[in-house]
Amino acid sequence: MDIPTSLYEAARVDGAGNMRQFFSITLPMLKPITYLVVTLGTIWSFQVFDLVYTLTGGGAGACDNHTGSYHIQFGI
């Protein structure tokens, strides 16, 4: 999935600078894939939580912390 170059060309013709193109075209077009990556990352971190917690009992200082254990520990 690519961001169409025609969007950047149209923005350039309208006088948009690089920063405006980034915030008005690039970020909104990357929103769906960013959502997918964050969602899958969160799901996968919860899948490994039970293994890490069972093996270490939550011990070993902060060496075995991952996203899932932070969610459980801090209630986030």
N, C-alpha and C. Protein backbone atom coordinates (compact mmCIF):
# COMPACT_ATOMS: atom_id res chain seq x y z
N MET A 1 0.84 -1.17 0.00
CA MET A 1 0.00 0.00 0.00
C MET A 1 0.88 1.24 0.00
N ASP A 2 0.81 2.00 -1.04
CA ASP A 2 1.62 3.20 -1.18
C ASP A 2 0.75 4.44 -1.04
N ILE A 3 1.40 5.52 -0.67
CA ILE A 3 0.72 6.81 -0.67
C ILE A 3 0.88 7.38 -2.07
N PRO A 4 -0.22 7.68 -2.73
CA PRO A 4 -0.14 8.16 -4.11
C PRO A 4 0.68 9.46 -4.22
N THR A 5 1.59 9.49 -5.17
CA THR A 5 2.41 10.69 -5.37
C THR A 5 1.58 11.85 -5.88
N SER A 6 0.43 11.54 -6.47
CA SER A 6 -0.43 12.62 -6.96
C SER A 6 -0.91 13.52 -5.83
N LEU A 7 -1.05 12.95 -4.62
CA LEU A 7 -1.44 13.76 -3.47
C LEU A 7 -0.36 14.77 -3.12
N TYR A 8 0.89 14.32 -3.17
CA TYR A 8 2.01 15.23 -2.88
C TYR A 8 2.15 16.29 -3.97
N GLU A 9 1.95 15.88 -5.20
CA GLU A 9 2.03 16.84 -6.30
C GLU A 9 0.95 17.90 -6.18
N ALA A 10 -0.27 17.49 -5.84
CA ALA A 10 -1.36 18.44 -5.68
C ALA A 10 -1.09 19.38 -4.51
N ALA A 11 -0.55 18.85 -3.43
CA ALA A 11 -0.22 19.69 -2.28
C ALA A 11 0.87 20.69 -2.63
N ARG A 12 1.86 20.24 -3.40
CA ARG A 12 2.94 21.12 -3.81
C ARG A 12 2.41 22.25 -4.69
N VAL A 13 1.49 21.91 -5.59
CA VAL A 13 0.88 22.93 -6.46
C VAL A 13 0.08 23.93 -5.62
N ASP A 14 -0.57 23.45 -4.56
CA ASP A 14 -1.34 24.32 -3.69
C ASP A 14 -0.48 25.14 -2.75
N GLY A 15 0.83 24.89 -2.75
CA GLY A 15 1.75 25.69 -1.94
C GLY A 15 2.09 25.10 -0.59
N ALA A 16 1.80 23.84 -0.38
CA ALA A 16 2.11 23.21 0.91
C ALA A 16 3.60 22.88 0.99
N GLY A 17 4.18 23.17 2.14
CA GLY A 17 5.59 22.84 2.37
C GLY A 17 5.74 21.39 2.81
N ASN A 18 6.97 21.03 3.10
CA ASN A 18 7.25 19.64 3.50
C ASN A 18 6.55 19.26 4.80
N MET A 19 6.56 20.16 5.78
CA MET A 19 5.92 19.85 7.06
C MET A 19 4.41 19.71 6.89
N ARG A 20 3.80 20.60 6.12
CA ARG A 20 2.35 20.54 5.90
C ARG A 20 2.00 19.24 5.16
N GLN A 21 2.82 18.84 4.19
CA GLN A 21 2.57 17.59 3.46
C GLN A 21 2.67 16.40 4.42
N PHE A 22 3.64 16.45 5.31
CA PHE A 22 3.81 15.35 6.25
C PHE A 22 2.59 15.21 7.16
N PHE A 23 2.15 16.33 7.74
CA PHE A 23 1.05 16.27 8.70
C PHE A 23 -0.31 16.16 8.04
N SER A 24 -0.45 16.60 6.80
CA SER A 24 -1.76 16.56 6.14
C SER A 24 -1.95 15.36 5.22
N ILE A 25 -0.85 14.77 4.77
CA ILE A 25 -0.97 13.65 3.83
C ILE A 25 -0.36 12.38 4.41
N THR A 26 0.90 12.44 4.81
CA THR A 26 1.62 11.23 5.22
C THR A 26 1.01 10.60 6.48
N LEU A 27 0.88 11.38 7.54
CA LEU A 27 0.34 10.82 8.79
C LEU A 27 -1.08 10.27 8.64
N PRO A 28 -2.00 11.00 8.03
CA PRO A 28 -3.35 10.43 7.89
C PRO A 28 -3.38 9.16 7.03
N MET A 29 -2.53 9.09 6.02
CA MET A 29 -2.52 7.90 5.17
C MET A 29 -1.87 6.70 5.87
N LEU A 30 -1.02 6.96 6.86
CA LEU A 30 -0.37 5.87 7.61
C LEU A 30 -1.19 5.44 8.83
N LYS A 31 -2.27 6.14 9.12
CA LYS A 31 -3.07 5.84 10.31
C LYS A 31 -3.57 4.40 10.36
N PRO A 32 -4.13 3.83 9.27
CA PRO A 32 -4.63 2.45 9.37
C PRO A 32 -3.53 1.43 9.68
N ILE A 33 -2.37 1.56 9.05
CA ILE A 33 -1.31 0.58 9.29
C ILE A 33 -0.71 0.77 10.68
N THR A 34 -0.65 2.01 11.15
CA THR A 34 -0.16 2.27 12.50
C THR A 34 -1.09 1.64 13.53
N TYR A 35 -2.38 1.79 13.32
CA TYR A 35 -3.37 1.17 14.21
C TYR A 35 -3.19 -0.35 14.24
N LEU A 36 -3.00 -0.95 13.08
CA LEU A 36 -2.82 -2.40 13.00
C LEU A 36 -1.56 -2.84 13.75
N VAL A 37 -0.46 -2.14 13.56
CA VAL A 37 0.80 -2.51 14.21
C VAL A 37 0.69 -2.39 15.73
N VAL A 38 0.08 -1.31 16.21
CA VAL A 38 -0.07 -1.13 17.66
C VAL A 38 -1.00 -2.20 18.24
N THR A 39 -2.10 -2.49 17.55
CA THR A 39 -3.05 -3.49 18.04
C THR A 39 -2.41 -4.87 18.09
N LEU A 40 -1.75 -5.28 17.02
CA LEU A 40 -1.11 -6.60 17.01
C LEU A 40 0.02 -6.69 18.02
N GLY A 41 0.78 -5.61 18.18
CA GLY A 41 1.85 -5.60 19.19
C GLY A 41 1.32 -5.78 20.59
N THR A 42 0.20 -5.14 20.88
CA THR A 42 -0.42 -5.27 22.20
C THR A 42 -0.93 -6.69 22.42
N ILE A 43 -1.58 -7.26 21.41
CA ILE A 43 -2.08 -8.63 21.52
C ILE A 43 -0.94 -9.61 21.73
N TRP A 44 0.13 -9.46 20.97
CA TRP A 44 1.26 -10.38 21.09
C TRP A 44 1.97 -10.22 22.44
N SER A 45 2.01 -9.01 22.98
CA SER A 45 2.66 -8.84 24.28
C SER A 45 1.83 -9.51 25.39
N PHE A 46 0.50 -9.49 25.27
CA PHE A 46 -0.33 -10.20 26.25
C PHE A 46 -0.20 -11.70 26.10
N GLN A 47 0.08 -12.19 24.91
CA GLN A 47 0.23 -13.63 24.72
C GLN A 47 1.48 -14.17 25.40
N VAL A 48 2.50 -13.35 25.55
CA VAL A 48 3.73 -13.82 26.18
C VAL A 48 3.72 -13.56 27.69
N PHE A 49 2.74 -12.80 28.19
CA PHE A 49 2.69 -12.44 29.61
C PHE A 49 2.69 -13.67 30.51
N ASP A 50 1.83 -14.64 30.23
CA ASP A 50 1.71 -15.80 31.13
C ASP A 50 3.01 -16.59 31.19
N LEU A 51 3.70 -16.71 30.09
CA LEU A 51 4.97 -17.44 30.08
C LEU A 51 6.01 -16.74 30.95
N VAL A 52 6.18 -15.46 30.77
CA VAL A 52 7.17 -14.71 31.55
C VAL A 52 6.80 -14.71 33.02
N TYR A 53 5.54 -14.49 33.34
CA TYR A 53 5.13 -14.43 34.74
C TYR A 53 5.25 -15.79 35.41
N THR A 54 4.94 -16.86 34.69
CA THR A 54 5.05 -18.20 35.27
C THR A 54 6.50 -18.58 35.53
N LEU A 55 7.37 -18.26 34.59
CA LEU A 55 8.77 -18.64 34.74
C LEU A 55 9.50 -17.84 35.80
N THR A 56 9.19 -16.55 35.93
CA THR A 56 9.95 -15.70 36.85
C THR A 56 9.15 -15.30 38.07
N GLY A 57 7.85 -15.52 38.07
CA GLY A 57 7.02 -15.11 39.20
C GLY A 57 6.99 -13.60 39.36
N GLY A 58 7.28 -12.89 38.28
CA GLY A 58 7.31 -11.44 38.35
C GLY A 58 8.60 -10.91 38.94
N GLY A 59 9.56 -11.79 39.16
CA GLY A 59 10.82 -11.39 39.78
C GLY A 59 11.83 -10.91 38.78
N ALA A 60 13.07 -10.98 39.14
CA ALA A 60 14.22 -10.56 38.33
C ALA A 60 14.23 -9.06 38.09
N GLY A 61 13.76 -8.31 39.05
CA GLY A 61 13.77 -6.86 38.93
C GLY A 61 12.90 -6.40 37.77
N ALA A 62 13.45 -5.53 36.95
CA ALA A 62 12.71 -5.02 35.80
C ALA A 62 13.21 -5.66 34.51
N CYS A 63 14.02 -6.71 34.63
CA CYS A 63 14.62 -7.34 33.45
C CYS A 63 13.60 -8.06 32.58
N ASP A 64 12.53 -8.54 33.16
CA ASP A 64 11.56 -9.31 32.38
C ASP A 64 10.29 -8.53 32.10
N ASN A 65 10.30 -7.22 32.29
CA ASN A 65 9.11 -6.42 32.02
C ASN A 65 8.87 -6.28 30.54
N HIS A 66 7.63 -6.33 30.16
CA HIS A 66 7.20 -6.10 28.79
C HIS A 66 5.84 -5.43 28.87
N THR A 67 5.26 -5.13 27.75
CA THR A 67 4.02 -4.36 27.73
C THR A 67 2.92 -5.03 28.54
N GLY A 68 2.78 -6.32 28.42
CA GLY A 68 1.72 -7.03 29.14
C GLY A 68 1.88 -6.92 30.64
N SER A 69 3.10 -7.04 31.15
CA SER A 69 3.29 -6.96 32.59
C SER A 69 3.06 -5.54 33.11
N TYR A 70 3.39 -4.54 32.31
CA TYR A 70 3.09 -3.16 32.71
C TYR A 70 1.59 -2.94 32.81
N HIS A 71 0.83 -3.50 31.88
CA HIS A 71 -0.61 -3.35 31.92
C HIS A 71 -1.18 -3.98 33.19
N ILE A 72 -0.70 -5.14 33.55
CA ILE A 72 -1.19 -5.83 34.74
C ILE A 72 -0.73 -5.11 36.00
N GLN A 73 0.55 -4.72 36.03
CA GLN A 73 1.13 -4.12 37.22
C GLN A 73 0.55 -2.76 37.53
N PHE A 74 0.36 -1.93 36.51
CA PHE A 74 -0.09 -0.55 36.74
C PHE A 74 -1.56 -0.34 36.39
N GLY A 75 -2.25 -1.37 35.94
CA GLY A 75 -3.67 -1.25 35.66
C GLY A 75 -3.99 -0.35 34.48
N ILE A 76 -3.10 -0.29 33.53
CA ILE A 76 -3.30 0.58 32.36
C ILE A 76 -4.07 -0.17 31.30
